Amino acid sequence: MARLPFDDEHAALYSVGQVAEMLQVQQAFLRRLDEHDVVRPSRSSGGQRRYSRHEIGAVQDAVRLIGEGMSLAAVRRIFELQQQVRELRAELARERAARAPEEE
């Protein structure tokens, strides 16, 4: 069975208005997250922001962190560091997998 776009958490399916309503935030807040490189949604062919489920989760995380007193710059840096940790973990897993046959 073929995967449908809504099965893919990275498929950009949701408009600014839909996300704002879902998360009960202002559309201006979502635009500000984009302008400050905190959450960068995809753009439609007409230039409109389109959010994936993955990006909606990031917006929820940003809302929580801002609620805890973080600035947009701090949230952006936290997200950057989290991405670096994910990349390093993936690299470590690849290294371990490559060494596993040698150790047997």
N, C-alpha and C. Protein backbone atom coordinates (compact mmCIF):
# COMPACT_ATOMS: atom_id res chain seq x y z
N MET A 1 0.84 -1.19 0.00
CA MET A 1 0.00 0.00 0.00
C MET A 1 0.89 1.25 0.00
N ALA A 2 0.59 2.19 -0.85
CA ALA A 2 1.39 3.41 -0.97
C ALA A 2 1.19 4.30 0.25
N ARG A 3 2.27 4.96 0.63
CA ARG A 3 2.17 5.93 1.73
C ARG A 3 1.50 7.19 1.23
N LEU A 4 0.64 7.72 2.03
CA LEU A 4 -0.04 8.97 1.71
C LEU A 4 0.72 10.13 2.35
N PRO A 5 0.59 11.36 1.81
CA PRO A 5 1.33 12.49 2.38
C PRO A 5 1.11 12.67 3.88
N PHE A 6 -0.13 12.45 4.36
CA PHE A 6 -0.36 12.66 5.79
C PHE A 6 0.25 11.57 6.65
N ASP A 7 0.75 10.49 6.04
CA ASP A 7 1.47 9.46 6.79
C ASP A 7 2.90 9.90 7.10
N ASP A 8 3.40 10.85 6.33
CA ASP A 8 4.78 11.32 6.46
C ASP A 8 4.82 12.53 7.40
N GLU A 9 5.50 12.39 8.53
CA GLU A 9 5.54 13.49 9.50
C GLU A 9 6.27 14.71 8.97
N HIS A 10 7.00 14.57 7.86
CA HIS A 10 7.73 15.70 7.28
C HIS A 10 7.01 16.31 6.08
N ALA A 11 5.83 15.80 5.72
CA ALA A 11 5.06 16.36 4.61
C ALA A 11 4.46 17.69 5.04
N ALA A 12 4.72 18.73 4.27
CA ALA A 12 4.25 20.08 4.60
C ALA A 12 2.80 20.24 4.15
N LEU A 13 1.88 20.03 5.09
CA LEU A 13 0.46 19.99 4.76
C LEU A 13 -0.38 21.08 5.39
N TYR A 14 0.12 21.76 6.41
CA TYR A 14 -0.72 22.64 7.22
C TYR A 14 -0.34 24.11 7.02
N SER A 15 -1.37 24.95 6.89
CA SER A 15 -1.15 26.39 6.71
C SER A 15 -0.90 27.06 8.06
N VAL A 16 -0.45 28.31 8.00
CA VAL A 16 -0.22 29.09 9.21
C VAL A 16 -1.51 29.17 10.03
N GLY A 17 -2.62 29.44 9.36
CA GLY A 17 -3.90 29.55 10.06
C GLY A 17 -4.30 28.26 10.75
N GLN A 18 -4.09 27.14 10.08
CA GLN A 18 -4.43 25.85 10.68
C GLN A 18 -3.57 25.57 11.90
N VAL A 19 -2.27 25.84 11.79
CA VAL A 19 -1.36 25.58 12.91
C VAL A 19 -1.67 26.51 14.08
N ALA A 20 -1.91 27.77 13.77
CA ALA A 20 -2.25 28.74 14.83
C ALA A 20 -3.50 28.30 15.58
N GLU A 21 -4.50 27.84 14.84
CA GLU A 21 -5.73 27.39 15.48
C GLU A 21 -5.49 26.12 16.29
N MET A 22 -4.74 25.18 15.72
CA MET A 22 -4.45 23.91 16.42
C MET A 22 -3.76 24.15 17.76
N LEU A 23 -2.77 25.05 17.74
CA LEU A 23 -1.93 25.25 18.92
C LEU A 23 -2.37 26.45 19.76
N GLN A 24 -3.42 27.13 19.31
CA GLN A 24 -3.93 28.31 20.00
C GLN A 24 -2.86 29.36 20.22
N VAL A 25 -2.16 29.69 19.12
CA VAL A 25 -1.17 30.76 19.12
C VAL A 25 -1.53 31.73 18.00
N GLN A 26 -0.95 32.91 18.05
CA GLN A 26 -1.19 33.91 17.01
C GLN A 26 -0.40 33.56 15.75
N GLN A 27 -0.97 33.86 14.60
CA GLN A 27 -0.26 33.66 13.34
C GLN A 27 1.03 34.48 13.31
N ALA A 28 1.00 35.66 13.90
CA ALA A 28 2.19 36.51 13.96
C ALA A 28 3.32 35.81 14.74
N PHE A 29 2.95 35.06 15.75
CA PHE A 29 3.95 34.32 16.53
C PHE A 29 4.64 33.29 15.64
N LEU A 30 3.87 32.57 14.82
CA LEU A 30 4.45 31.58 13.91
C LEU A 30 5.37 32.26 12.90
N ARG A 31 4.97 33.42 12.39
CA ARG A 31 5.82 34.13 11.44
C ARG A 31 7.11 34.58 12.12
N ARG A 32 7.01 34.99 13.38
CA ARG A 32 8.20 35.42 14.12
C ARG A 32 9.17 34.26 14.33
N LEU A 33 8.63 33.06 14.63
CA LEU A 33 9.49 31.88 14.77
C LEU A 33 10.25 31.63 13.48
N ASP A 34 9.59 31.81 12.35
CA ASP A 34 10.22 31.62 11.04
C ASP A 34 11.28 32.70 10.80
N GLU A 35 10.93 33.94 11.05
CA GLU A 35 11.85 35.06 10.82
C GLU A 35 13.11 34.95 11.67
N HIS A 36 13.00 34.36 12.85
CA HIS A 36 14.14 34.22 13.76
C HIS A 36 14.81 32.85 13.63
N ASP A 37 14.49 32.12 12.57
CA ASP A 37 15.10 30.81 12.30
C ASP A 37 14.92 29.80 13.43
N VAL A 38 13.81 29.89 14.13
CA VAL A 38 13.52 28.92 15.19
C VAL A 38 12.82 27.71 14.59
N VAL A 39 11.74 27.94 13.86
CA VAL A 39 11.04 26.88 13.12
C VAL A 39 10.82 27.42 11.71
N ARG A 40 11.46 26.78 10.73
CA ARG A 40 11.39 27.23 9.34
C ARG A 40 10.52 26.26 8.53
N PRO A 41 9.25 26.60 8.34
CA PRO A 41 8.39 25.71 7.55
C PRO A 41 8.74 25.80 6.06
N SER A 42 8.25 24.83 5.32
CA SER A 42 8.40 24.85 3.86
C SER A 42 7.52 25.96 3.31
N ARG A 43 7.70 26.23 2.04
CA ARG A 43 6.85 27.22 1.36
C ARG A 43 6.14 26.56 0.19
N SER A 44 4.90 26.95 0.00
CA SER A 44 4.14 26.46 -1.16
C SER A 44 4.67 27.15 -2.40
N SER A 45 4.22 26.72 -3.57
CA SER A 45 4.66 27.36 -4.81
C SER A 45 4.26 28.84 -4.83
N GLY A 46 3.23 29.20 -4.09
CA GLY A 46 2.80 30.59 -3.97
C GLY A 46 3.50 31.36 -2.87
N GLY A 47 4.44 30.72 -2.17
CA GLY A 47 5.20 31.38 -1.12
C GLY A 47 4.58 31.32 0.27
N GLN A 48 3.46 30.61 0.42
CA GLN A 48 2.83 30.51 1.74
C GLN A 48 3.53 29.45 2.59
N ARG A 49 3.62 29.73 3.88
CA ARG A 49 4.23 28.77 4.80
C ARG A 49 3.36 27.53 4.89
N ARG A 50 4.00 26.36 4.90
CA ARG A 50 3.32 25.08 5.06
C ARG A 50 4.09 24.26 6.10
N TYR A 51 3.39 23.82 7.12
CA TYR A 51 4.00 23.11 8.24
C TYR A 51 3.75 21.61 8.15
N SER A 52 4.75 20.86 8.55
CA SER A 52 4.62 19.41 8.68
C SER A 52 4.29 19.09 10.14
N ARG A 53 3.91 17.86 10.40
CA ARG A 53 3.68 17.45 11.80
C ARG A 53 4.95 17.61 12.62
N HIS A 54 6.09 17.33 12.02
CA HIS A 54 7.38 17.48 12.70
C HIS A 54 7.59 18.94 13.12
N GLU A 55 7.32 19.87 12.21
CA GLU A 55 7.49 21.29 12.52
C GLU A 55 6.46 21.77 13.54
N ILE A 56 5.26 21.21 13.50
CA ILE A 56 4.25 21.56 14.50
C ILE A 56 4.74 21.13 15.88
N GLY A 57 5.37 19.98 15.97
CA GLY A 57 5.96 19.54 17.24
C GLY A 57 7.04 20.49 17.71
N ALA A 58 7.85 21.00 16.77
CA ALA A 58 8.89 21.97 17.13
C ALA A 58 8.26 23.27 17.63
N VAL A 59 7.17 23.69 17.01
CA VAL A 59 6.47 24.90 17.49
C VAL A 59 5.97 24.66 18.91
N GLN A 60 5.41 23.49 19.17
CA GLN A 60 4.95 23.18 20.54
C GLN A 60 6.11 23.24 21.52
N ASP A 61 7.27 22.71 21.14
CA ASP A 61 8.45 22.78 22.00
C ASP A 61 8.87 24.23 22.23
N ALA A 62 8.84 25.04 21.17
CA ALA A 62 9.20 26.45 21.30
C ALA A 62 8.25 27.18 22.24
N VAL A 63 6.96 26.91 22.11
CA VAL A 63 5.96 27.54 23.00
C VAL A 63 6.28 27.20 24.45
N ARG A 64 6.59 25.92 24.70
CA ARG A 64 6.89 25.49 26.07
C ARG A 64 8.14 26.20 26.59
N LEU A 65 9.20 26.25 25.79
CA LEU A 65 10.45 26.88 26.22
C LEU A 65 10.27 28.38 26.44
N ILE A 66 9.54 29.03 25.57
CA ILE A 66 9.28 30.46 25.74
C ILE A 66 8.46 30.69 27.01
N GLY A 67 7.53 29.78 27.26
CA GLY A 67 6.74 29.86 28.50
C GLY A 67 7.59 29.70 29.75
N GLU A 68 8.74 29.03 29.60
CA GLU A 68 9.67 28.86 30.71
C GLU A 68 10.65 30.03 30.81
N GLY A 69 10.48 31.03 29.94
CA GLY A 69 11.30 32.23 30.04
C GLY A 69 12.43 32.34 29.03
N MET A 70 12.50 31.43 28.07
CA MET A 70 13.58 31.48 27.08
C MET A 70 13.26 32.52 26.00
N SER A 71 14.30 33.15 25.49
CA SER A 71 14.13 34.08 24.37
C SER A 71 14.11 33.28 23.07
N LEU A 72 13.72 33.92 21.97
CA LEU A 72 13.74 33.24 20.68
C LEU A 72 15.15 32.80 20.31
N ALA A 73 16.14 33.63 20.62
CA ALA A 73 17.53 33.27 20.34
C ALA A 73 17.94 32.04 21.15
N ALA A 74 17.51 31.97 22.40
CA ALA A 74 17.84 30.81 23.23
C ALA A 74 17.16 29.55 22.71
N VAL A 75 15.90 29.67 22.30
CA VAL A 75 15.18 28.51 21.76
C VAL A 75 15.87 28.02 20.49
N ARG A 76 16.24 28.96 19.61
CA ARG A 76 16.95 28.58 18.38
C ARG A 76 18.24 27.82 18.72
N ARG A 77 18.98 28.31 19.68
CA ARG A 77 20.25 27.66 20.06
C ARG A 77 19.99 26.27 20.65
N ILE A 78 18.97 26.14 21.48
CA ILE A 78 18.61 24.83 22.04
C ILE A 78 18.29 23.86 20.91
N PHE A 79 17.49 24.30 19.93
CA PHE A 79 17.15 23.44 18.80
C PHE A 79 18.40 23.05 18.00
N GLU A 80 19.33 24.01 17.81
CA GLU A 80 20.57 23.71 17.09
C GLU A 80 21.38 22.66 17.84
N LEU A 81 21.48 22.82 19.14
CA LEU A 81 22.24 21.86 19.95
C LEU A 81 21.58 20.48 19.94
N GLN A 82 20.25 20.44 20.00
CA GLN A 82 19.54 19.16 19.93
C GLN A 82 19.82 18.47 18.60
N GLN A 83 19.86 19.24 17.51
CA GLN A 83 20.16 18.67 16.20
C GLN A 83 21.59 18.12 16.15
N GLN A 84 22.51 18.85 16.74
CA GLN A 84 23.91 18.38 16.79
C GLN A 84 24.01 17.07 17.57
N VAL A 85 23.29 16.97 18.67
CA VAL A 85 23.29 15.74 19.47
C VAL A 85 22.74 14.58 18.64
N ARG A 86 21.63 14.82 17.92
CA ARG A 86 21.07 13.76 17.06
C ARG A 86 22.08 13.31 16.00
N GLU A 87 22.76 14.27 15.38
CA GLU A 87 23.75 13.94 14.36
C GLU A 87 24.91 13.16 14.94
N LEU A 88 25.38 13.56 16.11
CA LEU A 88 26.50 12.86 16.75
C LEU A 88 26.10 11.45 17.17
N ARG A 89 24.88 11.30 17.66
CA ARG A 89 24.41 9.95 18.02
C ARG A 89 24.33 9.06 16.80
N ALA A 90 23.86 9.61 15.68
CA ALA A 90 23.77 8.82 14.44
C ALA A 90 25.17 8.44 13.97
N GLU A 91 26.10 9.37 14.06
CA GLU A 91 27.48 9.09 13.67
C GLU A 91 28.09 8.02 14.57
N LEU A 92 27.85 8.11 15.85
CA LEU A 92 28.35 7.11 16.79
C LEU A 92 27.76 5.73 16.49
N ALA A 93 26.48 5.69 16.19
CA ALA A 93 25.83 4.42 15.86
C ALA A 93 26.44 3.82 14.60
N ARG A 94 26.72 4.67 13.59
CA ARG A 94 27.36 4.18 12.36
C ARG A 94 28.76 3.64 12.66
N GLU A 95 29.51 4.34 13.49
CA GLU A 95 30.87 3.89 13.85
C GLU A 95 30.81 2.56 14.60
N ARG A 96 29.89 2.44 15.52
CA ARG A 96 29.75 1.19 16.27
C ARG A 96 29.36 0.05 15.35
N ALA A 97 28.44 0.32 14.41
CA ALA A 97 28.02 -0.71 13.47
C ALA A 97 29.18 -1.14 12.57
N ALA A 98 30.00 -0.19 12.18
CA ALA A 98 31.14 -0.50 11.32
C ALA A 98 32.19 -1.32 12.08
N ARG A 99 32.33 -1.09 13.35
CA ARG A 99 33.32 -1.83 14.15
C ARG A 99 32.82 -3.18 14.63
N ALA A 100 31.53 -3.38 14.70
CA ALA A 100 30.96 -4.62 15.23
C ALA A 100 31.50 -5.85 14.52
N PRO A 101 31.57 -5.91 13.18
CA PRO A 101 32.13 -7.11 12.52
C PRO A 101 33.60 -7.35 12.89
N GLU A 102 34.35 -6.26 13.11
CA GLU A 102 35.77 -6.40 13.47
C GLU A 102 35.94 -7.06 14.83
N GLU A 103 35.01 -6.78 15.73
CA GLU A 103 35.13 -7.26 17.11
C GLU A 103 34.69 -8.70 17.28
N GLU A 104 34.02 -9.27 16.29
CA GLU A 104 33.52 -10.64 16.44
C GLU A 104 34.57 -11.66 16.19
